[in-house]
Amino acid sequence: MNKFARIVRKHRAALLALSVAASNAMAQSTDPFEAALTEATSKVTEYAGALVGLAAVGVVFMIAIKYVKKIRGAA
């Protein structure tokens, strides 16, 4: 039997506890993808109102241009 197998068998409980603790620590850490998704969602929420307002201004401008072109001599 090789030396590594004896060490593992002798300290099996300690290695198991260490691996469980490490996996719990990794599972509880903040996921970078989740953090990026949260940041992007908050930015979209912040800028949504401004983009809707800009779209409304654009629509009003296009409608105004349509009616100004109908006025004789304006085009």
PDB file of N, CA and C in Angstrom:
ATOM      1  N   MET A   1       0.849  -1.165   0.000  1.00  0.00           N
ATOM      2  CA  MET A   1       0.000   0.000   0.000  1.00  0.00           C
ATOM      3  C   MET A   1       0.902   1.238   0.000  1.00  0.00           C
ATOM      4  N   ASN A   2       0.517   2.203  -0.798  1.00  0.00           N
ATOM      5  CA  ASN A   2       1.393   3.365  -0.869  1.00  0.00           C
ATOM      6  C   ASN A   2       1.167   4.306   0.310  1.00  0.00           C
ATOM      7  N   LYS A   3       2.102   5.188   0.476  1.00  0.00           N
ATOM      8  CA  LYS A   3       2.109   6.085   1.632  1.00  0.00           C
ATOM      9  C   LYS A   3       0.939   7.079   1.580  1.00  0.00           C
ATOM     10  N   PHE A   4       0.614   7.580   0.378  1.00  0.00           N
ATOM     11  CA  PHE A   4      -0.468   8.546   0.241  1.00  0.00           C
ATOM     12  C   PHE A   4      -1.811   7.951   0.651  1.00  0.00           C
ATOM     13  N   ALA A   5      -2.077   6.714   0.281  1.00  0.00           N
ATOM     14  CA  ALA A   5      -3.339   6.061   0.635  1.00  0.00           C
ATOM     15  C   ALA A   5      -3.451   5.892   2.145  1.00  0.00           C
ATOM     16  N   ARG A   6      -2.357   5.583   2.808  1.00  0.00           N
ATOM     17  CA  ARG A   6      -2.389   5.454   4.271  1.00  0.00           C
ATOM     18  C   ARG A   6      -2.670   6.801   4.934  1.00  0.00           C
ATOM     19  N   ILE A   7      -2.060   7.860   4.400  1.00  0.00           N
ATOM     20  CA  ILE A   7      -2.280   9.196   4.986  1.00  0.00           C
ATOM     21  C   ILE A   7      -3.733   9.608   4.804  1.00  0.00           C
ATOM     22  N   VAL A   8      -4.264   9.359   3.619  1.00  0.00           N
ATOM     23  CA  VAL A   8      -5.656   9.731   3.355  1.00  0.00           C
ATOM     24  C   VAL A   8      -6.594   8.945   4.250  1.00  0.00           C
ATOM     25  N   ARG A   9      -6.361   7.641   4.377  1.00  0.00           N
ATOM     26  CA  ARG A   9      -7.223   6.819   5.217  1.00  0.00           C
ATOM     27  C   ARG A   9      -7.129   7.247   6.679  1.00  0.00           C
ATOM     28  N   LYS A  10      -5.946   7.624   7.114  1.00  0.00           N
ATOM     29  CA  LYS A  10      -5.730   8.005   8.510  1.00  0.00           C
ATOM     30  C   LYS A  10      -6.419   9.331   8.829  1.00  0.00           C
ATOM     31  N   HIS A  11      -6.405  10.254   7.879  1.00  0.00           N
ATOM     32  CA  HIS A  11      -6.950  11.593   8.125  1.00  0.00           C
ATOM     33  C   HIS A  11      -8.212  11.850   7.302  1.00  0.00           C
ATOM     34  N   ARG A  12      -8.984  10.829   7.043  1.00  0.00           N
ATOM     35  CA  ARG A  12     -10.167  10.932   6.198  1.00  0.00           C
ATOM     36  C   ARG A  12     -11.193  11.921   6.767  1.00  0.00           C
ATOM     37  N   ALA A  13     -11.460  11.876   8.048  1.00  0.00           N
ATOM     38  CA  ALA A  13     -12.464  12.759   8.656  1.00  0.00           C
ATOM     39  C   ALA A  13     -12.028  14.213   8.563  1.00  0.00           C
ATOM     40  N   ALA A  14     -10.762  14.471   8.803  1.00  0.00           N
ATOM     41  CA  ALA A  14     -10.268  15.845   8.727  1.00  0.00           C
ATOM     42  C   ALA A  14     -10.335  16.369   7.298  1.00  0.00           C
ATOM     43  N   LEU A  15      -9.979  15.528   6.324  1.00  0.00           N
ATOM     44  CA  LEU A  15     -10.052  15.944   4.929  1.00  0.00           C
ATOM     45  C   LEU A  15     -11.494  16.188   4.496  1.00  0.00           C
ATOM     46  N   LEU A  16     -12.404  15.363   4.952  1.00  0.00           N
ATOM     47  CA  LEU A  16     -13.814  15.548   4.627  1.00  0.00           C
ATOM     48  C   LEU A  16     -14.340  16.855   5.212  1.00  0.00           C
ATOM     49  N   ALA A  17     -13.996  17.123   6.466  1.00  0.00           N
ATOM     50  CA  ALA A  17     -14.437  18.364   7.098  1.00  0.00           C
ATOM     51  C   ALA A  17     -13.845  19.577   6.393  1.00  0.00           C
ATOM     52  N   LEU A  18     -12.582  19.475   5.987  1.00  0.00           N
ATOM     53  CA  LEU A  18     -11.937  20.570   5.275  1.00  0.00           C
ATOM     54  C   LEU A  18     -12.581  20.805   3.915  1.00  0.00           C
ATOM     55  N   SER A  19     -12.901  19.739   3.206  1.00  0.00           N
ATOM     56  CA  SER A  19     -13.529  19.898   1.896  1.00  0.00           C
ATOM     57  C   SER A  19     -14.946  20.454   2.017  1.00  0.00           C
ATOM     58  N   VAL A  20     -15.681  20.056   3.036  1.00  0.00           N
ATOM     59  CA  VAL A  20     -17.025  20.595   3.255  1.00  0.00           C
ATOM     60  C   VAL A  20     -16.947  22.073   3.605  1.00  0.00           C
ATOM     61  N   ALA A  21     -16.002  22.444   4.442  1.00  0.00           N
ATOM     62  CA  ALA A  21     -15.846  23.850   4.808  1.00  0.00           C
ATOM     63  C   ALA A  21     -15.455  24.692   3.595  1.00  0.00           C
ATOM     64  N   ALA A  22     -14.577  24.162   2.763  1.00  0.00           N
ATOM     65  CA  ALA A  22     -14.159  24.900   1.566  1.00  0.00           C
ATOM     66  C   ALA A  22     -15.314  25.053   0.585  1.00  0.00           C
ATOM     67  N   SER A  23     -16.108  24.007   0.410  1.00  0.00           N
ATOM     68  CA  SER A  23     -17.234  24.111  -0.521  1.00  0.00           C
ATOM     69  C   SER A  23     -18.295  25.070   0.003  1.00  0.00           C
ATOM     70  N   ASN A  24     -18.506  25.093   1.311  1.00  0.00           N
ATOM     71  CA  ASN A  24     -19.451  26.056   1.886  1.00  0.00           C
ATOM     72  C   ASN A  24     -18.952  27.478   1.712  1.00  0.00           C
ATOM     73  N   ALA A  25     -17.665  27.683   1.878  1.00  0.00           N
ATOM     74  CA  ALA A  25     -17.109  29.030   1.712  1.00  0.00           C
ATOM     75  C   ALA A  25     -17.239  29.492   0.270  1.00  0.00           C
ATOM     76  N   MET A  26     -17.021  28.590  -0.678  1.00  0.00           N
ATOM     77  CA  MET A  26     -17.160  28.962  -2.082  1.00  0.00           C
ATOM     78  C   MET A  26     -18.615  29.193  -2.453  1.00  0.00           C
ATOM     79  N   ALA A  27     -19.509  28.453  -1.882  1.00  0.00           N
ATOM     80  CA  ALA A  27     -20.931  28.586  -2.209  1.00  0.00           C
ATOM     81  C   ALA A  27     -21.505  29.882  -1.657  1.00  0.00           C
ATOM     82  N   GLN A  28     -20.987  30.359  -0.548  1.00  0.00           N
ATOM     83  CA  GLN A  28     -21.534  31.545   0.079  1.00  0.00           C
ATOM     84  C   GLN A  28     -20.897  32.829  -0.425  1.00  0.00           C
ATOM     85  N   SER A  29     -19.813  32.737  -1.170  1.00  0.00           N
ATOM     86  CA  SER A  29     -19.185  33.940  -1.683  1.00  0.00           C
ATOM     87  C   SER A  29     -20.046  34.535  -2.794  1.00  0.00           C
ATOM     88  N   THR A  30     -19.878  35.819  -3.026  1.00  0.00           N
ATOM     89  CA  THR A  30     -20.673  36.512  -4.031  1.00  0.00           C
ATOM     90  C   THR A  30     -20.232  36.077  -5.421  1.00  0.00           C
ATOM     91  N   ASP A  31     -21.201  35.664  -6.210  1.00  0.00           N
ATOM     92  CA  ASP A  31     -20.925  35.230  -7.568  1.00  0.00           C
ATOM     93  C   ASP A  31     -20.683  36.462  -8.441  1.00  0.00           C
ATOM     94  N   PRO A  32     -19.575  36.524  -9.168  1.00  0.00           N
ATOM     95  CA  PRO A  32     -19.298  37.702 -10.007  1.00  0.00           C
ATOM     96  C   PRO A  32     -20.372  37.937 -11.071  1.00  0.00           C
ATOM     97  N   PHE A  33     -20.908  36.864 -11.640  1.00  0.00           N
ATOM     98  CA  PHE A  33     -21.969  37.029 -12.636  1.00  0.00           C
ATOM     99  C   PHE A  33     -23.213  37.640 -12.003  1.00  0.00           C
ATOM    100  N   GLU A  34     -23.554  37.179 -10.812  1.00  0.00           N
ATOM    101  CA  GLU A  34     -24.731  37.714 -10.113  1.00  0.00           C
ATOM    102  C   GLU A  34     -24.543  39.193  -9.785  1.00  0.00           C
ATOM    103  N   ALA A  35     -23.335  39.567  -9.363  1.00  0.00           N
ATOM    104  CA  ALA A  35     -23.052  40.973  -9.061  1.00  0.00           C
ATOM    105  C   ALA A  35     -23.154  41.833 -10.319  1.00  0.00           C
ATOM    106  N   ALA A  36     -22.631  41.343 -11.430  1.00  0.00           N
ATOM    107  CA  ALA A  36     -22.705  42.093 -12.685  1.00  0.00           C
ATOM    108  C   ALA A  36     -24.141  42.220 -13.165  1.00  0.00           C
ATOM    109  N   LEU A  37     -24.913  41.150 -13.010  1.00  0.00           N
ATOM    110  CA  LEU A  37     -26.316  41.187 -13.415  1.00  0.00           C
ATOM    111  C   LEU A  37     -27.113  42.180 -12.567  1.00  0.00           C
ATOM    112  N   THR A  38     -26.843  42.216 -11.276  1.00  0.00           N
ATOM    113  CA  THR A  38     -27.519  43.163 -10.395  1.00  0.00           C
ATOM    114  C   THR A  38     -27.163  44.600 -10.763  1.00  0.00           C
ATOM    115  N   GLU A  39     -25.886  44.839 -11.064  1.00  0.00           N
ATOM    116  CA  GLU A  39     -25.458  46.187 -11.451  1.00  0.00           C
ATOM    117  C   GLU A  39     -26.108  46.612 -12.759  1.00  0.00           C
ATOM    118  N   ALA A  40     -26.148  45.717 -13.735  1.00  0.00           N
ATOM    119  CA  ALA A  40     -26.762  46.042 -15.022  1.00  0.00           C
ATOM    120  C   ALA A  40     -28.251  46.306 -14.858  1.00  0.00           C
ATOM    121  N   THR A  41     -28.920  45.520 -14.030  1.00  0.00           N
ATOM    122  CA  THR A  41     -30.350  45.715 -13.807  1.00  0.00           C
ATOM    123  C   THR A  41     -30.630  47.069 -13.172  1.00  0.00           C
ATOM    124  N   SER A  42     -29.808  47.461 -12.209  1.00  0.00           N
ATOM    125  CA  SER A  42     -30.017  48.755 -11.562  1.00  0.00           C
ATOM    126  C   SER A  42     -29.760  49.901 -12.535  1.00  0.00           C
ATOM    127  N   LYS A  43     -28.761  49.760 -13.413  1.00  0.00           N
ATOM    128  CA  LYS A  43     -28.499  50.813 -14.396  1.00  0.00           C
ATOM    129  C   LYS A  43     -29.627  50.924 -15.407  1.00  0.00           C
ATOM    130  N   VAL A  44     -30.171  49.794 -15.844  1.00  0.00           N
ATOM    131  CA  VAL A  44     -31.292  49.825 -16.776  1.00  0.00           C
ATOM    132  C   VAL A  44     -32.498  50.493 -16.126  1.00  0.00           C
ATOM    133  N   THR A  45     -32.727  50.196 -14.868  1.00  0.00           N
ATOM    134  CA  THR A  45     -33.848  50.803 -14.161  1.00  0.00           C
ATOM    135  C   THR A  45     -33.673  52.308 -14.041  1.00  0.00           C
ATOM    136  N   GLU A  46     -32.445  52.751 -13.787  1.00  0.00           N
ATOM    137  CA  GLU A  46     -32.186  54.185 -13.659  1.00  0.00           C
ATOM    138  C   GLU A  46     -32.408  54.924 -14.971  1.00  0.00           C
ATOM    139  N   TYR A  47     -31.921  54.360 -16.075  1.00  0.00           N
ATOM    140  CA  TYR A  47     -31.972  55.048 -17.353  1.00  0.00           C
ATOM    141  C   TYR A  47     -33.267  54.825 -18.124  1.00  0.00           C
ATOM    142  N   ALA A  48     -34.127  53.942 -17.660  1.00  0.00           N
ATOM    143  CA  ALA A  48     -35.354  53.640 -18.393  1.00  0.00           C
ATOM    144  C   ALA A  48     -36.249  54.863 -18.526  1.00  0.00           C
ATOM    145  N   GLY A  49     -36.407  55.618 -17.446  1.00  0.00           N
ATOM    146  CA  GLY A  49     -37.253  56.815 -17.487  1.00  0.00           C
ATOM    147  C   GLY A  49     -36.727  57.849 -18.465  1.00  0.00           C
ATOM    148  N   ALA A  50     -35.410  58.046 -18.457  1.00  0.00           N
ATOM    149  CA  ALA A  50     -34.810  59.019 -19.374  1.00  0.00           C
ATOM    150  C   ALA A  50     -34.979  58.580 -20.825  1.00  0.00           C
ATOM    151  N   LEU A  51     -34.843  57.293 -21.094  1.00  0.00           N
ATOM    152  CA  LEU A  51     -34.996  56.808 -22.462  1.00  0.00           C
ATOM    153  C   LEU A  51     -36.438  56.916 -22.950  1.00  0.00           C
ATOM    154  N   VAL A  52     -37.389  56.670 -22.072  1.00  0.00           N
ATOM    155  CA  VAL A  52     -38.797  56.829 -22.451  1.00  0.00           C
ATOM    156  C   VAL A  52     -39.096  58.287 -22.740  1.00  0.00           C
ATOM    157  N   GLY A  53     -38.564  59.185 -21.923  1.00  0.00           N
ATOM    158  CA  GLY A  53     -38.750  60.621 -22.164  1.00  0.00           C
ATOM    159  C   GLY A  53     -38.130  61.051 -23.477  1.00  0.00           C
ATOM    160  N   LEU A  54     -36.937  60.559 -23.785  1.00  0.00           N
ATOM    161  CA  LEU A  54     -36.276  60.893 -25.045  1.00  0.00           C
ATOM    162  C   LEU A  54     -37.068  60.367 -26.241  1.00  0.00           C
ATOM    163  N   ALA A  55     -37.624  59.179 -26.112  1.00  0.00           N
ATOM    164  CA  ALA A  55     -38.451  58.629 -27.186  1.00  0.00           C
ATOM    165  C   ALA A  55     -39.699  59.476 -27.401  1.00  0.00           C
ATOM    166  N   ALA A  56     -40.313  59.931 -26.319  1.00  0.00           N
ATOM    167  CA  ALA A  56     -41.505  60.773 -26.428  1.00  0.00           C
ATOM    168  C   ALA A  56     -41.171  62.096 -27.121  1.00  0.00           C
ATOM    169  N   VAL A  57     -40.041  62.679 -26.781  1.00  0.00           N
ATOM    170  CA  VAL A  57     -39.623  63.929 -27.436  1.00  0.00           C
ATOM    171  C   VAL A  57     -39.395  63.686 -28.923  1.00  0.00           C
ATOM    172  N   GLY A  58     -38.799  62.557 -29.271  1.00  0.00           N
ATOM    173  CA  GLY A  58     -38.572  62.237 -30.680  1.00  0.00           C
ATOM    174  C   GLY A  58     -39.869  62.084 -31.450  1.00  0.00           C
ATOM    175  N   VAL A  59     -40.845  61.434 -30.846  1.00  0.00           N
ATOM    176  CA  VAL A  59     -42.152  61.250 -31.504  1.00  0.00           C
ATOM    177  C   VAL A  59     -42.832  62.600 -31.703  1.00  0.00           C
ATOM    178  N   VAL A  60     -42.810  63.432 -30.696  1.00  0.00           N
ATOM    179  CA  VAL A  60     -43.428  64.765 -30.815  1.00  0.00           C
ATOM    180  C   VAL A  60     -42.718  65.573 -31.895  1.00  0.00           C
ATOM    181  N   PHE A  61     -41.396  65.476 -31.967  1.00  0.00           N
ATOM    182  CA  PHE A  61     -40.640  66.201 -32.984  1.00  0.00           C
ATOM    183  C   PHE A  61     -41.021  65.728 -34.388  1.00  0.00           C
ATOM    184  N   MET A  62     -41.141  64.412 -34.584  1.00  0.00           N
ATOM    185  CA  MET A  62     -41.506  63.893 -35.900  1.00  0.00           C
ATOM    186  C   MET A  62     -42.920  64.314 -36.295  1.00  0.00           C
ATOM    187  N   ILE A  63     -43.832  64.323 -35.345  1.00  0.00           N
ATOM    188  CA  ILE A  63     -45.197  64.770 -35.640  1.00  0.00           C
ATOM    189  C   ILE A  63     -45.204  66.250 -35.977  1.00  0.00           C
ATOM    190  N   ALA A  64     -44.412  67.034 -35.253  1.00  0.00           N
ATOM    191  CA  ALA A  64     -44.339  68.470 -35.539  1.00  0.00           C
ATOM    192  C   ALA A  64     -43.771  68.712 -36.933  1.00  0.00           C
ATOM    193  N   ILE A  65     -42.762  67.970 -37.329  1.00  0.00           N
ATOM    194  CA  ILE A  65     -42.188  68.113 -38.668  1.00  0.00           C
ATOM    195  C   ILE A  65     -43.238  67.775 -39.725  1.00  0.00           C
ATOM    196  N   LYS A  66     -44.036  66.748 -39.471  1.00  0.00           N
ATOM    197  CA  LYS A  66     -45.073  66.345 -40.425  1.00  0.00           C
ATOM    198  C   LYS A  66     -46.055  67.491 -40.664  1.00  0.00           C
ATOM    199  N   TYR A  67     -46.484  68.152 -39.599  1.00  0.00           N
ATOM    200  CA  TYR A  67     -47.462  69.225 -39.746  1.00  0.00           C
ATOM    201  C   TYR A  67     -46.829  70.509 -40.257  1.00  0.00           C
ATOM    202  N   VAL A  68     -45.563  70.753 -39.953  1.00  0.00           N
ATOM    203  CA  VAL A  68     -44.896  71.945 -40.478  1.00  0.00           C
ATOM    204  C   VAL A  68     -44.734  71.821 -41.989  1.00  0.00           C
ATOM    205  N   LYS A  69     -44.488  70.614 -42.489  1.00  0.00           N
ATOM    206  CA  LYS A  69     -44.358  70.430 -43.936  1.00  0.00           C
ATOM    207  C   LYS A  69     -45.661  70.691 -44.671  1.00  0.00           C
ATOM    208  N   LYS A  70     -46.771  70.528 -43.991  1.00  0.00           N
ATOM    209  CA  LYS A  70     -48.083  70.777 -44.633  1.00  0.00           C
ATOM    210  C   LYS A  70     -48.372  72.247 -44.788  1.00  0.00           C
ATOM    211  N   ILE A  71     -47.686  73.080 -43.999  1.00  0.00           N
ATOM    212  CA  ILE A  71     -47.912  74.530 -44.113  1.00  0.00           C
ATOM    213  C   ILE A  71     -47.266  74.999 -45.410  1.00  0.00           C
ATOM    214  N   ARG A  72     -48.012  75.778 -46.178  1.00  0.00           N
ATOM    215  CA  ARG A  72     -47.532  76.236 -47.469  1.00  0.00           C
ATOM    216  C   ARG A  72     -46.324  77.172 -47.294  1.00  0.00           C
ATOM    217  N   GLY A  73     -45.254  76.874 -47.987  1.00  0.00           N
ATOM    218  CA  GLY A  73     -44.068  77.713 -47.969  1.00  0.00           C
ATOM    219  C   GLY A  73     -43.116  77.387 -46.830  1.00  0.00           C
ATOM    220  N   ALA A  74     -43.457  76.424 -45.965  1.00  0.00           N
ATOM    221  CA  ALA A  74     -42.589  76.102 -44.837  1.00  0.00           C
ATOM    222  C   ALA A  74     -41.496  75.120 -45.242  1.00  0.00           C
ATOM    223  N   ALA A  75     -41.782  74.327 -46.260  1.00  0.00           N
ATOM    224  CA  ALA A  75     -40.808  73.288 -46.636  1.00  0.00           C
ATOM    225  C   ALA A  75     -39.705  73.846 -47.440  1.00  0.00           C
TER     226      ALA A  75
END
